N, C-alpha and C. Protein backbone atom coordinates (compact mmCIF):
# COMPACT_ATOMS: atom_id res chain seq x y z
N MET A 1 0.85 -1.18 0.00
CA MET A 1 0.00 0.00 0.00
C MET A 1 0.89 1.24 0.00
N SER A 2 0.55 2.20 -0.83
CA SER A 2 1.33 3.43 -0.89
C SER A 2 0.93 4.36 0.26
N ASP A 3 1.77 5.34 0.52
CA ASP A 3 1.50 6.29 1.58
C ASP A 3 0.50 7.34 1.13
N PRO A 4 -0.37 7.79 2.04
CA PRO A 4 -1.30 8.87 1.70
C PRO A 4 -0.55 10.20 1.62
N ILE A 5 -1.16 11.15 0.97
CA ILE A 5 -0.64 12.51 0.91
C ILE A 5 -0.95 13.19 2.24
N ILE A 6 0.02 13.88 2.81
CA ILE A 6 -0.21 14.60 4.06
C ILE A 6 -0.94 15.90 3.71
N ALA A 7 -2.19 15.98 4.10
CA ALA A 7 -3.00 17.17 3.80
C ALA A 7 -2.71 18.30 4.78
N SER A 8 -2.37 17.94 6.03
CA SER A 8 -2.11 18.93 7.07
C SER A 8 -1.27 18.27 8.16
N LYS A 9 -0.34 19.02 8.72
CA LYS A 9 0.46 18.47 9.82
C LYS A 9 -0.12 18.87 11.17
N SER A 10 -1.42 19.10 11.19
CA SER A 10 -2.13 19.37 12.43
C SER A 10 -3.55 18.84 12.28
N PRO A 11 -4.24 18.58 13.39
CA PRO A 11 -5.61 18.08 13.30
C PRO A 11 -6.54 19.15 12.75
N LEU A 12 -7.64 18.70 12.18
CA LEU A 12 -8.62 19.60 11.59
C LEU A 12 -9.89 19.58 12.45
N ALA A 13 -10.16 20.70 13.12
CA ALA A 13 -11.32 20.81 14.01
C ALA A 13 -12.58 21.04 13.20
N VAL A 14 -13.59 20.22 13.46
CA VAL A 14 -14.86 20.31 12.73
C VAL A 14 -16.01 20.14 13.72
N GLU A 15 -17.03 20.96 13.58
CA GLU A 15 -18.26 20.80 14.36
C GLU A 15 -19.10 19.71 13.70
N VAL A 16 -19.44 18.69 14.48
CA VAL A 16 -20.24 17.57 13.96
C VAL A 16 -21.57 17.50 14.68
N GLU A 17 -22.51 16.82 14.03
CA GLU A 17 -23.85 16.64 14.59
C GLU A 17 -24.05 15.17 14.94
N ALA A 18 -24.54 14.92 16.13
CA ALA A 18 -24.77 13.55 16.59
C ALA A 18 -25.62 12.78 15.58
N GLY A 19 -25.18 11.58 15.24
CA GLY A 19 -25.91 10.70 14.34
C GLY A 19 -25.75 10.99 12.86
N LYS A 20 -25.11 12.09 12.49
CA LYS A 20 -24.94 12.44 11.08
C LYS A 20 -23.58 11.93 10.59
N THR A 21 -23.60 10.96 9.68
CA THR A 21 -22.38 10.33 9.17
C THR A 21 -21.65 11.25 8.20
N VAL A 22 -20.34 11.34 8.40
CA VAL A 22 -19.45 12.07 7.48
C VAL A 22 -18.41 11.08 6.99
N TYR A 23 -17.79 11.38 5.87
CA TYR A 23 -16.80 10.47 5.27
C TYR A 23 -15.45 11.17 5.21
N TRP A 24 -14.51 10.67 6.00
CA TRP A 24 -13.17 11.21 6.13
C TRP A 24 -12.30 10.75 4.96
N CYS A 25 -11.56 11.68 4.41
CA CYS A 25 -10.62 11.39 3.31
C CYS A 25 -9.40 10.67 3.89
N SER A 26 -9.10 9.48 3.40
CA SER A 26 -7.95 8.72 3.87
C SER A 26 -6.74 8.86 2.95
N CYS A 27 -6.95 9.38 1.74
CA CYS A 27 -5.86 9.46 0.76
C CYS A 27 -5.09 10.78 0.81
N GLY A 28 -5.73 11.84 1.31
CA GLY A 28 -5.10 13.15 1.37
C GLY A 28 -5.27 13.98 0.11
N ARG A 29 -5.96 13.47 -0.88
CA ARG A 29 -6.12 14.16 -2.16
C ARG A 29 -7.32 15.10 -2.23
N SER A 30 -8.27 14.94 -1.34
CA SER A 30 -9.51 15.71 -1.39
C SER A 30 -9.27 17.20 -1.24
N ALA A 31 -10.00 17.99 -2.00
CA ALA A 31 -9.96 19.45 -1.88
C ALA A 31 -10.88 19.91 -0.76
N LYS A 32 -11.66 18.99 -0.18
CA LYS A 32 -12.62 19.33 0.88
C LYS A 32 -12.17 18.75 2.22
N GLN A 33 -10.88 18.81 2.52
CA GLN A 33 -10.34 18.23 3.76
C GLN A 33 -11.12 18.71 4.97
N PRO A 34 -11.40 17.84 5.93
CA PRO A 34 -10.92 16.48 6.03
C PRO A 34 -11.84 15.45 5.38
N PHE A 35 -12.80 15.93 4.61
CA PHE A 35 -13.80 15.02 4.04
C PHE A 35 -13.49 14.60 2.62
N CYS A 36 -14.05 13.46 2.25
CA CYS A 36 -13.84 12.88 0.93
C CYS A 36 -14.61 13.64 -0.15
N ASP A 37 -13.95 13.85 -1.30
CA ASP A 37 -14.63 14.42 -2.45
C ASP A 37 -14.54 13.50 -3.67
N GLY A 38 -14.10 12.25 -3.44
CA GLY A 38 -14.00 11.28 -4.52
C GLY A 38 -12.65 11.24 -5.21
N SER A 39 -11.70 12.05 -4.74
CA SER A 39 -10.39 12.12 -5.38
C SER A 39 -9.58 10.83 -5.25
N HIS A 40 -10.01 9.92 -4.38
CA HIS A 40 -9.31 8.66 -4.19
C HIS A 40 -9.53 7.67 -5.34
N LYS A 41 -10.48 7.94 -6.20
CA LYS A 41 -10.80 7.01 -7.29
C LYS A 41 -9.54 6.69 -8.09
N GLY A 42 -9.31 5.39 -8.32
CA GLY A 42 -8.13 4.94 -9.03
C GLY A 42 -6.96 4.65 -8.10
N THR A 43 -7.15 4.82 -6.78
CA THR A 43 -6.11 4.50 -5.80
C THR A 43 -6.62 3.35 -4.93
N GLU A 44 -5.78 2.86 -4.05
CA GLU A 44 -6.21 1.80 -3.13
C GLU A 44 -6.89 2.36 -1.87
N PHE A 45 -7.03 3.66 -1.78
CA PHE A 45 -7.63 4.30 -0.61
C PHE A 45 -9.15 4.38 -0.75
N ALA A 46 -9.82 4.43 0.40
CA ALA A 46 -11.28 4.57 0.44
C ALA A 46 -11.62 5.47 1.62
N PRO A 47 -12.71 6.21 1.54
CA PRO A 47 -13.11 7.06 2.67
C PRO A 47 -13.52 6.20 3.87
N ILE A 48 -13.41 6.79 5.05
CA ILE A 48 -13.81 6.12 6.28
C ILE A 48 -15.01 6.85 6.87
N ALA A 49 -16.09 6.11 7.09
CA ALA A 49 -17.31 6.69 7.66
C ALA A 49 -17.11 6.96 9.15
N HIS A 50 -17.64 8.09 9.60
CA HIS A 50 -17.61 8.45 11.03
C HIS A 50 -18.98 8.99 11.41
N THR A 51 -19.62 8.33 12.38
CA THR A 51 -20.92 8.78 12.87
C THR A 51 -20.77 9.12 14.35
N PRO A 52 -20.68 10.41 14.68
CA PRO A 52 -20.49 10.80 16.08
C PRO A 52 -21.72 10.51 16.94
N GLU A 53 -21.46 10.13 18.18
CA GLU A 53 -22.55 9.86 19.12
C GLU A 53 -23.09 11.15 19.74
N THR A 54 -22.22 12.18 19.81
CA THR A 54 -22.63 13.46 20.38
C THR A 54 -22.24 14.59 19.44
N SER A 55 -22.94 15.68 19.52
CA SER A 55 -22.60 16.87 18.73
C SER A 55 -21.48 17.63 19.42
N GLY A 56 -20.65 18.29 18.62
CA GLY A 56 -19.56 19.09 19.18
C GLY A 56 -18.37 19.11 18.26
N THR A 57 -17.24 19.55 18.78
CA THR A 57 -16.01 19.64 17.99
C THR A 57 -15.28 18.31 17.99
N VAL A 58 -14.90 17.88 16.79
CA VAL A 58 -14.13 16.66 16.61
C VAL A 58 -12.84 17.05 15.90
N TYR A 59 -11.74 16.41 16.26
CA TYR A 59 -10.44 16.69 15.64
C TYR A 59 -10.07 15.55 14.71
N PHE A 60 -10.30 15.79 13.42
CA PHE A 60 -9.99 14.78 12.41
C PHE A 60 -8.51 14.83 12.07
N CYS A 61 -7.95 13.67 11.76
CA CYS A 61 -6.55 13.56 11.37
C CYS A 61 -6.34 14.26 10.03
N GLY A 62 -5.34 15.12 9.97
CA GLY A 62 -5.00 15.81 8.72
C GLY A 62 -3.79 15.19 8.03
N CYS A 63 -2.96 14.48 8.81
CA CYS A 63 -1.73 13.91 8.24
C CYS A 63 -1.98 12.56 7.58
N LYS A 64 -3.12 11.94 7.87
CA LYS A 64 -3.53 10.66 7.30
C LYS A 64 -2.71 9.48 7.80
N HIS A 65 -2.03 9.65 8.94
CA HIS A 65 -1.22 8.58 9.52
C HIS A 65 -1.71 8.12 10.90
N SER A 66 -2.85 8.63 11.35
CA SER A 66 -3.38 8.29 12.66
C SER A 66 -3.71 6.81 12.77
N LYS A 67 -3.39 6.23 13.92
CA LYS A 67 -3.75 4.83 14.20
C LYS A 67 -5.20 4.74 14.66
N THR A 68 -5.82 5.89 14.94
CA THR A 68 -7.21 5.94 15.38
C THR A 68 -8.08 6.66 14.34
N ALA A 69 -7.71 6.54 13.09
CA ALA A 69 -8.42 7.22 12.00
C ALA A 69 -9.91 6.92 12.07
N PRO A 70 -10.72 7.92 11.85
CA PRO A 70 -10.42 9.19 11.23
C PRO A 70 -10.00 10.30 12.22
N LEU A 71 -9.94 9.97 13.51
CA LEU A 71 -9.62 10.99 14.50
C LEU A 71 -8.12 11.08 14.73
N CYS A 72 -7.67 12.26 15.11
CA CYS A 72 -6.26 12.53 15.35
C CYS A 72 -5.77 11.78 16.59
N ASP A 73 -4.58 11.19 16.50
CA ASP A 73 -3.95 10.55 17.65
C ASP A 73 -2.57 11.16 17.95
N GLY A 74 -2.25 12.28 17.28
CA GLY A 74 -0.97 12.95 17.50
C GLY A 74 0.14 12.45 16.59
N SER A 75 -0.14 11.57 15.65
CA SER A 75 0.88 11.05 14.74
C SER A 75 1.59 12.14 13.96
N HIS A 76 0.92 13.26 13.74
CA HIS A 76 1.52 14.36 12.96
C HIS A 76 2.77 14.91 13.64
N THR A 77 2.90 14.71 14.95
CA THR A 77 4.08 15.23 15.66
C THR A 77 5.33 14.39 15.39
N LYS A 78 5.15 13.23 14.78
CA LYS A 78 6.29 12.34 14.49
C LYS A 78 6.67 12.33 13.01
N LEU A 79 6.04 13.19 12.22
CA LEU A 79 6.33 13.21 10.78
C LEU A 79 7.44 14.20 10.46
């Protein structure tokens, strides 16, 4: 598997709504970071669905290397 493109070396804060599914970009190619816009087509990457249980601020991974994807785990500090 090839490495994803690093879209950001910091987490991306987004206000989410409980129960509303969003699709996180795992390839780093999307122009709508941190969400998928279909730019992964033709690659081995696929978006990851995230359905929050509560509304509020969520910190999505921007570097695409998080072990807890789609959420940030601090991996960007080691890049």
